[in-house]
Every structure is written in structure tokens, then in C-alpha cells.
C-alpha atoms as a PDB file:
ATOM      1  CA  MET A   1      -0.016   0.012  -0.045  1.00  0.00           C
ATOM      2  CA  CYS A   2       1.776   3.121   1.274  1.00  0.00           C
ATOM      3  CA  ARG A   3       5.112   2.903   2.938  1.00  0.00           C
ATOM      4  CA  ASN A   4       4.435   6.082   5.015  1.00  0.00           C
ATOM      5  CA  ILE A   5       1.399   4.714   6.738  1.00  0.00           C
ATOM      6  CA  LYS A   6       2.652   3.056   9.989  1.00  0.00           C
ATOM      7  CA  THR A   7       0.865   0.525  12.242  1.00  0.00           C
ATOM      8  CA  LEU A   8      -0.920   2.288  14.937  1.00  0.00           C
ATOM      9  CA  PHE A   9      -2.585  -0.520  16.964  1.00  0.00           C
ATOM     10  CA  ASN A  10      -1.366  -2.005  20.231  1.00  0.00           C
ATOM     11  CA  PHE A  11       1.129   0.524  21.243  1.00  0.00           C
ATOM     12  CA  ASP A  12       1.747   2.000  24.754  1.00  0.00           C
ATOM     13  CA  PRO A  13       0.847   4.969  24.740  1.00  0.00           C
ATOM     14  CA  PRO A  14      -1.968   4.452  22.170  1.00  0.00           C
ATOM     15  CA  ALA A  15      -1.921   6.251  18.973  1.00  0.00           C
ATOM     16  CA  THR A  16      -2.822   9.962  19.171  1.00  0.00           C
ATOM     17  CA  ASP A  17      -5.403  11.736  16.954  1.00  0.00           C
ATOM     18  CA  LEU A  18      -2.557  13.460  15.127  1.00  0.00           C
ATOM     19  CA  GLU A  19      -1.005  10.112  14.241  1.00  0.00           C
ATOM     20  CA  VAL A  20      -4.487   8.960  12.969  1.00  0.00           C
ATOM     21  CA  THR A  21      -4.960  11.911  10.913  1.00  0.00           C
ATOM     22  CA  ALA A  22      -1.433  11.790   9.419  1.00  0.00           C
ATOM     23  CA  ALA A  23      -2.162   8.145   8.358  1.00  0.00           C
ATOM     24  CA  ALA A  24      -5.550   9.222   6.964  1.00  0.00           C
ATOM     25  CA  VAL A  25      -3.814  12.077   4.996  1.00  0.00           C
ATOM     26  CA  GLN A  26      -1.440   9.505   3.506  1.00  0.00           C
ATOM     27  CA  PHE A  27      -4.088   7.122   2.651  1.00  0.00           C
ATOM     28  CA  VAL A  28      -6.194   9.954   0.871  1.00  0.00           C
ATOM     29  CA  ARG A  29      -3.058  11.198  -0.939  1.00  0.00           C
ATOM     30  CA  LYS A  30      -2.490   7.745  -2.345  1.00  0.00           C
ATOM     31  CA  LEU A  31      -6.010   7.092  -3.369  1.00  0.00           C
ATOM     32  CA  SER A  32      -6.280  10.553  -4.997  1.00  0.00           C
ATOM     33  CA  GLY A  33      -2.877  10.868  -6.495  1.00  0.00           C
ATOM     34  CA  PHE A  34      -2.653  14.223  -5.114  1.00  0.00           C
ATOM     35  CA  ASN A  35       0.196  15.364  -2.727  1.00  0.00           C
ATOM     36  CA  ALA A  36      -1.694  18.588  -2.285  1.00  0.00           C
ATOM     37  CA  PRO A  37      -5.147  19.022  -3.800  1.00  0.00           C
ATOM     38  CA  SER A  38      -6.119  22.059  -6.029  1.00  0.00           C
ATOM     39  CA  LYS A  39      -8.425  24.660  -4.680  1.00  0.00           C
ATOM     40  CA  ALA A  40     -11.213  23.018  -6.560  1.00  0.00           C
ATOM     41  CA  ASN A  41     -10.626  19.574  -4.849  1.00  0.00           C
ATOM     42  CA  GLU A  42      -9.487  20.964  -1.444  1.00  0.00           C
ATOM     43  CA  ALA A  43     -12.915  20.563   0.280  1.00  0.00           C
ATOM     44  CA  ALA A  44     -13.432  16.976  -0.982  1.00  0.00           C
ATOM     45  CA  PHE A  45      -9.851  16.115   0.016  1.00  0.00           C
ATOM     46  CA  GLN A  46     -10.324  17.463   3.582  1.00  0.00           C
ATOM     47  CA  GLN A  47     -13.744  15.742   3.915  1.00  0.00           C
ATOM     48  CA  ALA A  48     -12.204  12.445   2.969  1.00  0.00           C
ATOM     49  CA  VAL A  49      -9.379  12.966   5.381  1.00  0.00           C
ATOM     50  CA  GLU A  50     -11.877  13.557   8.253  1.00  0.00           C
ATOM     51  CA  GLU A  51     -13.931  10.599   7.237  1.00  0.00           C
ATOM     52  CA  VAL A  52     -11.105   8.243   6.912  1.00  0.00           C
ATOM     53  CA  SER A  53      -9.683   9.515  10.271  1.00  0.00           C
ATOM     54  CA  ALA A  54     -12.928   8.858  11.996  1.00  0.00           C
ATOM     55  CA  ALA A  55     -13.105   5.371  10.556  1.00  0.00           C
ATOM     56  CA  ALA A  56      -9.568   4.593  11.540  1.00  0.00           C
ATOM     57  CA  ARG A  57     -10.108   5.796  15.145  1.00  0.00           C
ATOM     58  CA  LYS A  58     -13.312   3.732  15.350  1.00  0.00           C
ATOM     59  CA  LEU A  59     -11.343   0.707  14.067  1.00  0.00           C
ATOM     60  CA  LEU A  60      -8.406   1.202  16.474  1.00  0.00           C
ATOM     61  CA  ASP A  61     -10.727   1.692  19.450  1.00  0.00           C
ATOM     62  CA  SER A  62     -12.710  -1.470  18.695  1.00  0.00           C
ATOM     63  CA  LEU A  63      -9.771  -3.878  18.119  1.00  0.00           C
ATOM     64  CA  VAL A  64      -8.783  -6.220  20.864  1.00  0.00           C
ATOM     65  CA  THR A  65      -5.629  -8.317  21.520  1.00  0.00           C
ATOM     66  CA  ASN A  66      -4.096 -10.527  24.197  1.00  0.00           C
ATOM     67  CA  ALA A  67      -0.591  -9.371  23.193  1.00  0.00           C
ATOM     68  CA  GLU A  68       1.461  -6.996  25.364  1.00  0.00           C
ATOM     69  CA  PRO A  69       1.410  -3.471  24.050  1.00  0.00           C
ATOM     70  CA  ARG A  70       4.525  -2.644  21.855  1.00  0.00           C
ATOM     71  CA  ASN A  71       6.933   0.048  22.995  1.00  0.00           C
ATOM     72  CA  ARG A  72       7.389   2.907  20.513  1.00  0.00           C
ATOM     73  CA  GLU A  73      11.100   3.339  21.186  1.00  0.00           C
ATOM     74  CA  VAL A  74      11.853  -0.319  20.847  1.00  0.00           C
ATOM     75  CA  GLU A  75       9.885  -0.455  17.538  1.00  0.00           C
ATOM     76  CA  ALA A  76      11.626   2.722  16.319  1.00  0.00           C
ATOM     77  CA  GLU A  77      15.083   1.236  17.140  1.00  0.00           C
ATOM     78  CA  ARG A  78      14.070  -1.935  15.205  1.00  0.00           C
ATOM     79  CA  ALA A  79      13.107   0.138  12.143  1.00  0.00           C
ATOM     80  CA  ARG A  80      16.471   2.051  12.317  1.00  0.00           C
ATOM     81  CA  GLU A  81      18.280  -1.407  12.391  1.00  0.00           C
ATOM     82  CA  ARG A  82      16.368  -2.687   9.469  1.00  0.00           C
ATOM     83  CA  SER A  83      17.012   0.579   7.538  1.00  0.00           C
ATOM     84  CA  ILE A  84      20.675   0.236   8.226  1.00  0.00           C
ATOM     85  CA  LYS A  85      20.726  -3.461   7.149  1.00  0.00           C
ATOM     86  CA  ARG A  86      18.818  -2.488   4.001  1.00  0.00           C
ATOM     87  CA  PHE A  87      20.472   0.804   2.924  1.00  0.00           C
ATOM     88  CA  GLY A  88      23.740   0.875   5.004  1.00  0.00           C
ATOM     89  CA  GLU A  89      24.846   3.646   7.409  1.00  0.00           C
ATOM     90  CA  ARG A  90      24.374   7.254   6.353  1.00  0.00           C
END
């Protein structure tokens, strides 16, 4: 799908509304093909972002798991290690 959309479920602390909205923006950008919509499409773009954000929040709030919540710092370090392994040190 889109590499910039990150997993938001089962983290401690839970995903913020800002993170959910950022994921929604990435999703709508991908679907629309617009990085930034024209003035004529701006209202439709923003409406889509709001609706996707609401659906994503509803989904995240309704999911359940028995797994321990993931730690953001640990996951970020793992991502850095994967990046170094894939692309080398910068």
C-alpha cells in the first residue's frame, strides 16, 4: 500500500489523534494521486481525510488483543536497524 502509513494498533501509549490523521492524509493522498489538492478539490480532500480519520479511530478503538502493547522506542530502534541493514549507514 503506502510505505508512509505506520501500524498504529497496540502501542503504549495508544496512537494519538494526530497520528491517526497523518495516516488518513497519507491514505487519501495515495487514493487521489494528489500530494496537495487543487483549490477546486480541497474541500473534497479534507472531507475524505476527516472521514478516513474517523473510521480509523473507530477501528483502532474497537480492536482487541491479548498481546502485550508494543513500545514505541523499541519499535523505532528496530526500524532503524532494518534501515541500516537495507540501505547501509548514512
